[in-house]
Amino acid sequence: QVQLVESGGGLVQAGGSLRLSCVSSGIIVSNNAMGWYRQAPGKQREFVACISSGASTNYADSVKGRFTISRDNAKNTLYLQMNSLKPEDTAVYYCKITSRSTLMQYWGQGTQVTVSS
C-alpha cells in the first residue's frame, strides 16, 4: 500500500522560508517521478515542481529561483525548500508520486502553507 505523508507547513511572514517533507511508504522515491502541487482557496490545483527518477528537476515559473525540490533516497523522502515566500504562495501543498511501472499516481493528504504580508 502506497502512502505519502506531507509535513512542514505552517504560518510564515512574507520573505520567510519553510521546508516541506513528503515521506513515502510502499514505493521507492528514487525509482519514480515525484512532484509538488498546490491549491489555493477557490483555485485549481497547480504544478509547483517535479523531480524525475534521474534527478532532473523542473519548476513553475512562479517559484523558479525561490523553491528547490530534492529527495533523500535513504529516507525515502521528498522535500520542497521554499525561500522568499510571498502571500500568493499561500495554499495547501500536495506531493505526488507516479509509478514508473504502473503509471498510477498517488497523492498525499496535503499540508497548509500560509504566508502573511
C-alpha atoms as a PDB file:
ATOM      1  CA  GLN A   1       0.000   0.000   0.000  1.00  0.00           C
ATOM      2  CA  VAL A   2       1.427   3.341  -1.071  1.00  0.00           C
ATOM      3  CA  GLN A   3       1.221   6.189   1.396  1.00  0.00           C
ATOM      4  CA  LEU A   4       2.582   9.732   1.175  1.00  0.00           C
ATOM      5  CA  VAL A   5       2.610  11.921   4.267  1.00  0.00           C
ATOM      6  CA  GLU A   6       3.441  15.622   3.987  1.00  0.00           C
ATOM      7  CA  SER A   7       4.601  17.845   6.819  1.00  0.00           C
ATOM      8  CA  GLY A   8       6.371  21.128   7.405  1.00  0.00           C
ATOM      9  CA  GLY A   9       3.638  23.575   6.534  1.00  0.00           C
ATOM     10  CA  GLY A  10       2.716  26.489   8.753  1.00  0.00           C
ATOM     11  CA  LEU A  11       2.328  30.224   9.065  1.00  0.00           C
ATOM     12  CA  VAL A  12       5.236  32.406   7.986  1.00  0.00           C
ATOM     13  CA  GLN A  13       5.747  36.071   7.194  1.00  0.00           C
ATOM     14  CA  ALA A  14       6.461  37.220   3.674  1.00  0.00           C
ATOM     15  CA  GLY A  15      10.140  36.777   2.893  1.00  0.00           C
ATOM     16  CA  GLY A  16      10.442  33.798   5.202  1.00  0.00           C
ATOM     17  CA  SER A  17      11.239  30.169   4.489  1.00  0.00           C
ATOM     18  CA  LEU A  18       9.709  26.756   5.040  1.00  0.00           C
ATOM     19  CA  ARG A  19      10.766  23.240   4.146  1.00  0.00           C
ATOM     20  CA  LEU A  20       8.105  20.724   3.283  1.00  0.00           C
ATOM     21  CA  SER A  21       8.683  16.994   3.590  1.00  0.00           C
ATOM     22  CA  CYS A  22       6.864  14.075   1.998  1.00  0.00           C
ATOM     23  CA  VAL A  23       7.634  10.669   3.451  1.00  0.00           C
ATOM     24  CA  SER A  24       6.828   7.778   1.169  1.00  0.00           C
ATOM     25  CA  SER A  25       5.988   4.226   2.159  1.00  0.00           C
ATOM     26  CA  GLY A  26       5.164   1.347  -0.128  1.00  0.00           C
ATOM     27  CA  ILE A  27       7.031   2.847  -3.092  1.00  0.00           C
ATOM     28  CA  ILE A  28      10.647   3.907  -3.632  1.00  0.00           C
ATOM     29  CA  VAL A  29      11.043   7.606  -4.378  1.00  0.00           C
ATOM     30  CA  SER A  30      14.315   7.265  -6.247  1.00  0.00           C
ATOM     31  CA  ASN A  31      12.757   4.982  -8.872  1.00  0.00           C
ATOM     32  CA  ASN A  32       9.825   7.196  -9.738  1.00  0.00           C
ATOM     33  CA  ALA A  33       8.946  10.743 -10.691  1.00  0.00           C
ATOM     34  CA  MET A  34       7.654  12.918  -7.890  1.00  0.00           C
ATOM     35  CA  GLY A  35       6.232  16.380  -7.694  1.00  0.00           C
ATOM     36  CA  TRP A  36       4.763  19.111  -5.564  1.00  0.00           C
ATOM     37  CA  TYR A  37       1.465  20.769  -6.354  1.00  0.00           C
ATOM     38  CA  ARG A  38      -0.573  23.390  -4.559  1.00  0.00           C
ATOM     39  CA  GLN A  39      -4.157  24.514  -4.368  1.00  0.00           C
ATOM     40  CA  ALA A  40      -5.231  27.909  -3.124  1.00  0.00           C
ATOM     41  CA  PRO A  41      -8.809  28.566  -1.980  1.00  0.00           C
ATOM     42  CA  GLY A  42     -11.149  28.838  -4.938  1.00  0.00           C
ATOM     43  CA  LYS A  43      -8.454  27.859  -7.428  1.00  0.00           C
ATOM     44  CA  GLN A  44      -7.473  24.719  -9.265  1.00  0.00           C
ATOM     45  CA  ARG A  45      -4.574  22.609  -8.141  1.00  0.00           C
ATOM     46  CA  GLU A  46      -1.406  23.724  -9.908  1.00  0.00           C
ATOM     47  CA  PHE A  47       2.038  22.342 -10.576  1.00  0.00           C
ATOM     48  CA  VAL A  48       4.904  23.652  -8.440  1.00  0.00           C
ATOM     49  CA  ALA A  49       7.949  21.452  -9.041  1.00  0.00           C
ATOM     50  CA  CYS A  50       8.952  17.935 -10.023  1.00  0.00           C
ATOM     51  CA  ILE A  51      11.936  15.637  -9.949  1.00  0.00           C
ATOM     52  CA  SER A  52      12.422  12.646 -12.218  1.00  0.00           C
ATOM     53  CA  SER A  53      13.871   9.269 -11.350  1.00  0.00           C
ATOM     54  CA  GLY A  54      17.062  10.573 -12.938  1.00  0.00           C
ATOM     55  CA  ALA A  55      17.003  13.624 -10.634  1.00  0.00           C
ATOM     56  CA  SER A  56      16.135  16.140 -13.340  1.00  0.00           C
ATOM     57  CA  THR A  57      14.068  18.976 -11.924  1.00  0.00           C
ATOM     58  CA  ASN A  58      11.501  21.365 -13.295  1.00  0.00           C
ATOM     59  CA  TYR A  59       9.717  24.328 -11.721  1.00  0.00           C
ATOM     60  CA  ALA A  60       6.737  26.518 -12.327  1.00  0.00           C
ATOM     61  CA  ASP A  61       7.790  29.990 -13.429  1.00  0.00           C
ATOM     62  CA  SER A  62       6.155  31.486 -10.345  1.00  0.00           C
ATOM     63  CA  VAL A  63       8.543  29.667  -7.982  1.00  0.00           C
ATOM     64  CA  LYS A  64      11.693  29.402 -10.083  1.00  0.00           C
ATOM     65  CA  GLY A  65      14.708  30.706  -8.178  1.00  0.00           C
ATOM     66  CA  ARG A  66      12.863  30.597  -4.847  1.00  0.00           C
ATOM     67  CA  PHE A  67      11.883  26.933  -4.381  1.00  0.00           C
ATOM     68  CA  THR A  68      14.096  23.857  -4.570  1.00  0.00           C
ATOM     69  CA  ILE A  69      12.862  20.285  -4.890  1.00  0.00           C
ATOM     70  CA  SER A  70      15.070  17.450  -3.672  1.00  0.00           C
ATOM     71  CA  ARG A  71      14.896  13.959  -2.305  1.00  0.00           C
ATOM     72  CA  ASP A  72      16.738  11.834   0.236  1.00  0.00           C
ATOM     73  CA  ASN A  73      16.805   8.311  -1.125  1.00  0.00           C
ATOM     74  CA  ALA A  74      17.968   6.835   2.174  1.00  0.00           C
ATOM     75  CA  LYS A  75      14.958   8.334   3.956  1.00  0.00           C
ATOM     76  CA  ASN A  76      12.605   7.741   1.028  1.00  0.00           C
ATOM     77  CA  THR A  77      11.561  11.358   1.399  1.00  0.00           C
ATOM     78  CA  LEU A  78      10.832  14.239  -0.960  1.00  0.00           C
ATOM     79  CA  TYR A  79      11.465  17.849   0.064  1.00  0.00           C
ATOM     80  CA  LEU A  80      10.490  21.310  -1.065  1.00  0.00           C
ATOM     81  CA  GLN A  81      12.629  24.143   0.246  1.00  0.00           C
ATOM     82  CA  MET A  82      10.697  27.371  -0.079  1.00  0.00           C
ATOM     83  CA  ASN A  83      12.511  30.679   0.302  1.00  0.00           C
ATOM     84  CA  SER A  84      11.442  34.285  -0.174  1.00  0.00           C
ATOM     85  CA  LEU A  85       7.851  33.294   0.371  1.00  0.00           C
ATOM     86  CA  LYS A  86       5.084  35.574  -0.862  1.00  0.00           C
ATOM     87  CA  PRO A  87       1.432  35.851   0.201  1.00  0.00           C
ATOM     88  CA  GLU A  88       0.456  34.371  -3.164  1.00  0.00           C
ATOM     89  CA  ASP A  89       2.269  31.165  -2.185  1.00  0.00           C
ATOM     90  CA  THR A  90      -0.469  30.534   0.365  1.00  0.00           C
ATOM     91  CA  ALA A  91      -2.081  27.183  -0.446  1.00  0.00           C
ATOM     92  CA  VAL A  92      -2.372  23.559   0.532  1.00  0.00           C
ATOM     93  CA  TYR A  93       0.697  21.790  -0.804  1.00  0.00           C
ATOM     94  CA  TYR A  94       0.487  18.191  -2.004  1.00  0.00           C
ATOM     95  CA  CYS A  95       3.135  15.714  -3.062  1.00  0.00           C
ATOM     96  CA  LYS A  96       2.530  13.205  -5.797  1.00  0.00           C
ATOM     97  CA  ILE A  97       4.377  10.147  -6.999  1.00  0.00           C
ATOM     98  CA  THR A  98       3.881   8.453 -10.369  1.00  0.00           C
ATOM     99  CA  SER A  99       4.804   4.813 -10.527  1.00  0.00           C
ATOM    100  CA  ARG A 100       7.116   4.216 -13.453  1.00  0.00           C
ATOM    101  CA  SER A 101       5.936   0.619 -13.741  1.00  0.00           C
ATOM    102  CA  THR A 102       2.165   1.066 -13.478  1.00  0.00           C
ATOM    103  CA  LEU A 103       1.760   4.816 -14.241  1.00  0.00           C
ATOM    104  CA  MET A 104      -0.537   5.055 -11.232  1.00  0.00           C
ATOM    105  CA  GLN A 105      -0.446   8.331  -9.354  1.00  0.00           C
ATOM    106  CA  TYR A 106      -0.572   8.649  -5.595  1.00  0.00           C
ATOM    107  CA  TRP A 107      -1.199  11.816  -3.594  1.00  0.00           C
ATOM    108  CA  GLY A 108      -0.536  12.852  -0.051  1.00  0.00           C
ATOM    109  CA  GLN A 109      -3.124  14.492   2.174  1.00  0.00           C
ATOM    110  CA  GLY A 110      -1.616  17.961   1.875  1.00  0.00           C
ATOM    111  CA  THR A 111      -0.034  20.465   4.230  1.00  0.00           C
ATOM    112  CA  GLN A 112      -1.192  24.061   4.662  1.00  0.00           C
ATOM    113  CA  VAL A 113       1.211  26.913   3.956  1.00  0.00           C
ATOM    114  CA  THR A 114       0.084  30.409   4.887  1.00  0.00           C
ATOM    115  CA  VAL A 115       2.213  33.455   4.123  1.00  0.00           C
ATOM    116  CA  SER A 116       1.217  36.688   5.807  1.00  0.00           C
ATOM    117  CA  SER A 117       2.014  40.095   4.340  1.00  0.00           C
END
